[in-house]
């Protein structure tokens, strides 16, 4: 019995604002995900597909959600978006890229 793991990364906010390209993120994941210690060696084991602003990763091998978060953060850092975006888990198999809530912090400081 094969265990198939499906993960989704929702990039809706940054893509709609035009600060991030889903295509380049998909290529980044394609080049960086390691299978048996080798990057770019996905083969049949891992399939990366894109659906408008979402990226779906389907794995038939051992694959952790944490590794996907690590790679997402690495991509954001590479494109210097790490200061504005964070990777938040919205459910067991989905990550979402959200903006830091800077406005809420400013309001709290004003109240003090």
C-alpha atoms as a PDB file:
ATOM      1  CA  UNK A   1       0.000   0.000   0.000  1.00  0.00           C
ATOM      2  CA  UNK A   2       1.412   3.348  -1.054  1.00  0.00           C
ATOM      3  CA  UNK A   3       0.954   6.343   1.182  1.00  0.00           C
ATOM      4  CA  UNK A   4       0.243   9.460  -0.850  1.00  0.00           C
ATOM      5  CA  UNK A   5       0.821  12.775   0.889  1.00  0.00           C
ATOM      6  CA  UNK A   6      -0.709  15.943  -0.520  1.00  0.00           C
ATOM      7  CA  UNK A   7       0.331  19.416   0.574  1.00  0.00           C
ATOM      8  CA  UNK A   8      -0.882  22.804  -0.621  1.00  0.00           C
ATOM      9  CA  UNK A   9       0.797  26.197  -0.435  1.00  0.00           C
ATOM     10  CA  UNK A  10      -1.644  29.081  -0.859  1.00  0.00           C
ATOM     11  CA  UNK A  11       0.119  32.172  -2.269  1.00  0.00           C
ATOM     12  CA  UNK A  12      -3.014  34.206  -2.959  1.00  0.00           C
ATOM     13  CA  UNK A  13      -2.229  37.507  -1.157  1.00  0.00           C
ATOM     14  CA  UNK A  14       1.307  38.117  -2.493  1.00  0.00           C
ATOM     15  CA  UNK A  15       0.399  37.020  -6.040  1.00  0.00           C
ATOM     16  CA  UNK A  16      -2.639  39.329  -6.188  1.00  0.00           C
ATOM     17  CA  UNK A  17      -0.429  42.213  -4.999  1.00  0.00           C
ATOM     18  CA  UNK A  18       2.095  41.377  -7.723  1.00  0.00           C
ATOM     19  CA  UNK A  19       5.109  40.883  -5.426  1.00  0.00           C
ATOM     20  CA  UNK A  20       5.485  37.149  -6.067  1.00  0.00           C
ATOM     21  CA  UNK A  21       5.409  34.884  -9.117  1.00  0.00           C
ATOM     22  CA  UNK A  22       3.930  31.425  -8.591  1.00  0.00           C
ATOM     23  CA  UNK A  23       5.784  30.071 -11.633  1.00  0.00           C
ATOM     24  CA  UNK A  24       9.207  30.920 -10.234  1.00  0.00           C
ATOM     25  CA  UNK A  25       8.218  29.456  -6.840  1.00  0.00           C
ATOM     26  CA  UNK A  26       7.113  26.243  -8.546  1.00  0.00           C
ATOM     27  CA  UNK A  27      10.445  26.035 -10.402  1.00  0.00           C
ATOM     28  CA  UNK A  28      12.330  26.756  -7.159  1.00  0.00           C
ATOM     29  CA  UNK A  29      10.570  23.845  -5.421  1.00  0.00           C
ATOM     30  CA  UNK A  30      11.196  21.638  -8.447  1.00  0.00           C
ATOM     31  CA  UNK A  31      14.936  22.386  -8.320  1.00  0.00           C
ATOM     32  CA  UNK A  32      15.368  22.286  -4.534  1.00  0.00           C
ATOM     33  CA  UNK A  33      13.286  19.359  -3.243  1.00  0.00           C
ATOM     34  CA  UNK A  34      15.599  16.498  -2.468  1.00  0.00           C
ATOM     35  CA  UNK A  35      14.753  12.847  -3.081  1.00  0.00           C
ATOM     36  CA  UNK A  36      17.243  10.351  -1.633  1.00  0.00           C
ATOM     37  CA  UNK A  37      19.681  13.186  -0.909  1.00  0.00           C
ATOM     38  CA  UNK A  38      19.725  14.569  -4.453  1.00  0.00           C
ATOM     39  CA  UNK A  39      18.105  17.866  -5.471  1.00  0.00           C
ATOM     40  CA  UNK A  40      16.158  18.062  -8.732  1.00  0.00           C
ATOM     41  CA  UNK A  41      15.650  14.288  -8.715  1.00  0.00           C
ATOM     42  CA  UNK A  42      11.859  14.200  -8.334  1.00  0.00           C
ATOM     43  CA  UNK A  43      11.024  11.480 -10.842  1.00  0.00           C
ATOM     44  CA  UNK A  44       7.645   9.856 -10.263  1.00  0.00           C
ATOM     45  CA  UNK A  45       7.875  10.119  -6.472  1.00  0.00           C
ATOM     46  CA  UNK A  46       6.958  13.797  -6.119  1.00  0.00           C
ATOM     47  CA  UNK A  47       4.644  15.791  -8.362  1.00  0.00           C
ATOM     48  CA  UNK A  48       4.407  19.582  -8.172  1.00  0.00           C
ATOM     49  CA  UNK A  49       1.409  21.197  -9.828  1.00  0.00           C
ATOM     50  CA  UNK A  50       0.115  24.751  -9.963  1.00  0.00           C
ATOM     51  CA  UNK A  51      -3.479  25.891  -9.733  1.00  0.00           C
ATOM     52  CA  UNK A  52      -3.695  29.685 -10.215  1.00  0.00           C
ATOM     53  CA  UNK A  53      -2.335  30.957  -6.866  1.00  0.00           C
ATOM     54  CA  UNK A  54      -1.887  27.567  -5.195  1.00  0.00           C
ATOM     55  CA  UNK A  55       0.916  25.062  -5.481  1.00  0.00           C
ATOM     56  CA  UNK A  56       0.144  21.406  -4.827  1.00  0.00           C
ATOM     57  CA  UNK A  57       2.854  18.948  -3.871  1.00  0.00           C
ATOM     58  CA  UNK A  58       1.939  15.272  -4.062  1.00  0.00           C
ATOM     59  CA  UNK A  59       4.471  12.817  -2.648  1.00  0.00           C
ATOM     60  CA  UNK A  60       4.537   9.030  -2.727  1.00  0.00           C
ATOM     61  CA  UNK A  61       7.710   8.873  -0.637  1.00  0.00           C
ATOM     62  CA  UNK A  62       8.450  10.074   2.878  1.00  0.00           C
ATOM     63  CA  UNK A  63       7.949  13.828   2.776  1.00  0.00           C
ATOM     64  CA  UNK A  64       7.440  16.201   5.662  1.00  0.00           C
ATOM     65  CA  UNK A  65       5.311  19.305   5.759  1.00  0.00           C
ATOM     66  CA  UNK A  66       8.064  20.971   7.778  1.00  0.00           C
ATOM     67  CA  UNK A  67      10.514  20.484   4.869  1.00  0.00           C
ATOM     68  CA  UNK A  68       8.051  22.258   2.578  1.00  0.00           C
ATOM     69  CA  UNK A  69       7.823  25.138   5.064  1.00  0.00           C
ATOM     70  CA  UNK A  70      11.627  25.305   5.207  1.00  0.00           C
ATOM     71  CA  UNK A  71      11.855  25.535   1.404  1.00  0.00           C
ATOM     72  CA  UNK A  72       9.088  28.150   1.254  1.00  0.00           C
ATOM     73  CA  UNK A  73      10.921  30.321   3.777  1.00  0.00           C
ATOM     74  CA  UNK A  74      14.147  29.830   1.815  1.00  0.00           C
ATOM     75  CA  UNK A  75      12.404  31.051  -1.354  1.00  0.00           C
ATOM     76  CA  UNK A  76      10.984  34.100   0.437  1.00  0.00           C
ATOM     77  CA  UNK A  77      14.425  34.948   1.810  1.00  0.00           C
ATOM     78  CA  UNK A  78      16.025  34.574  -1.629  1.00  0.00           C
ATOM     79  CA  UNK A  79      13.534  37.044  -3.097  1.00  0.00           C
ATOM     80  CA  UNK A  80      13.769  39.287   0.019  1.00  0.00           C
ATOM     81  CA  UNK A  81      10.086  38.885   0.830  1.00  0.00           C
ATOM     82  CA  UNK A  82      10.779  37.339   4.228  1.00  0.00           C
ATOM     83  CA  UNK A  83      10.359  40.714   5.978  1.00  0.00           C
ATOM     84  CA  UNK A  84       6.740  41.023   4.788  1.00  0.00           C
ATOM     85  CA  UNK A  85       5.439  37.485   4.467  1.00  0.00           C
ATOM     86  CA  UNK A  86       5.189  34.589   6.849  1.00  0.00           C
ATOM     87  CA  UNK A  87       4.291  30.941   6.335  1.00  0.00           C
ATOM     88  CA  UNK A  88       1.256  29.942   8.393  1.00  0.00           C
ATOM     89  CA  UNK A  89      -0.350  26.541   8.591  1.00  0.00           C
ATOM     90  CA  UNK A  90      -4.080  26.858   7.956  1.00  0.00           C
ATOM     91  CA  UNK A  91      -4.830  23.146   8.371  1.00  0.00           C
ATOM     92  CA  UNK A  92      -3.102  19.760   8.478  1.00  0.00           C
ATOM     93  CA  UNK A  93      -2.020  19.795   4.829  1.00  0.00           C
ATOM     94  CA  UNK A  94      -2.066  23.481   3.865  1.00  0.00           C
ATOM     95  CA  UNK A  95       0.309  26.386   4.234  1.00  0.00           C
ATOM     96  CA  UNK A  96      -0.699  29.961   3.586  1.00  0.00           C
ATOM     97  CA  UNK A  97       1.507  32.957   2.891  1.00  0.00           C
ATOM     98  CA  UNK A  98       0.279  35.869   4.995  1.00  0.00           C
ATOM     99  CA  UNK A  99       1.474  39.373   5.621  1.00  0.00           C
ATOM    100  CA  UNK A 100       2.729  40.292   9.056  1.00  0.00           C
ATOM    101  CA  UNK A 101       0.052  42.310  10.872  1.00  0.00           C
ATOM    102  CA  UNK A 102       2.092  45.492  11.221  1.00  0.00           C
ATOM    103  CA  UNK A 103      -0.955  47.751  11.535  1.00  0.00           C
ATOM    104  CA  UNK A 104      -2.228  45.971  14.663  1.00  0.00           C
ATOM    105  CA  UNK A 105       1.141  46.444  16.377  1.00  0.00           C
ATOM    106  CA  UNK A 106       1.128  50.171  15.600  1.00  0.00           C
ATOM    107  CA  UNK A 107      -2.341  50.556  17.125  1.00  0.00           C
ATOM    108  CA  UNK A 108      -1.261  48.763  20.316  1.00  0.00           C
ATOM    109  CA  UNK A 109       1.780  51.039  20.654  1.00  0.00           C
ATOM    110  CA  UNK A 110      -0.405  54.126  20.168  1.00  0.00           C
ATOM    111  CA  UNK A 111      -2.715  53.015  22.999  1.00  0.00           C
ATOM    112  CA  UNK A 112       0.125  52.687  25.509  1.00  0.00           C
END
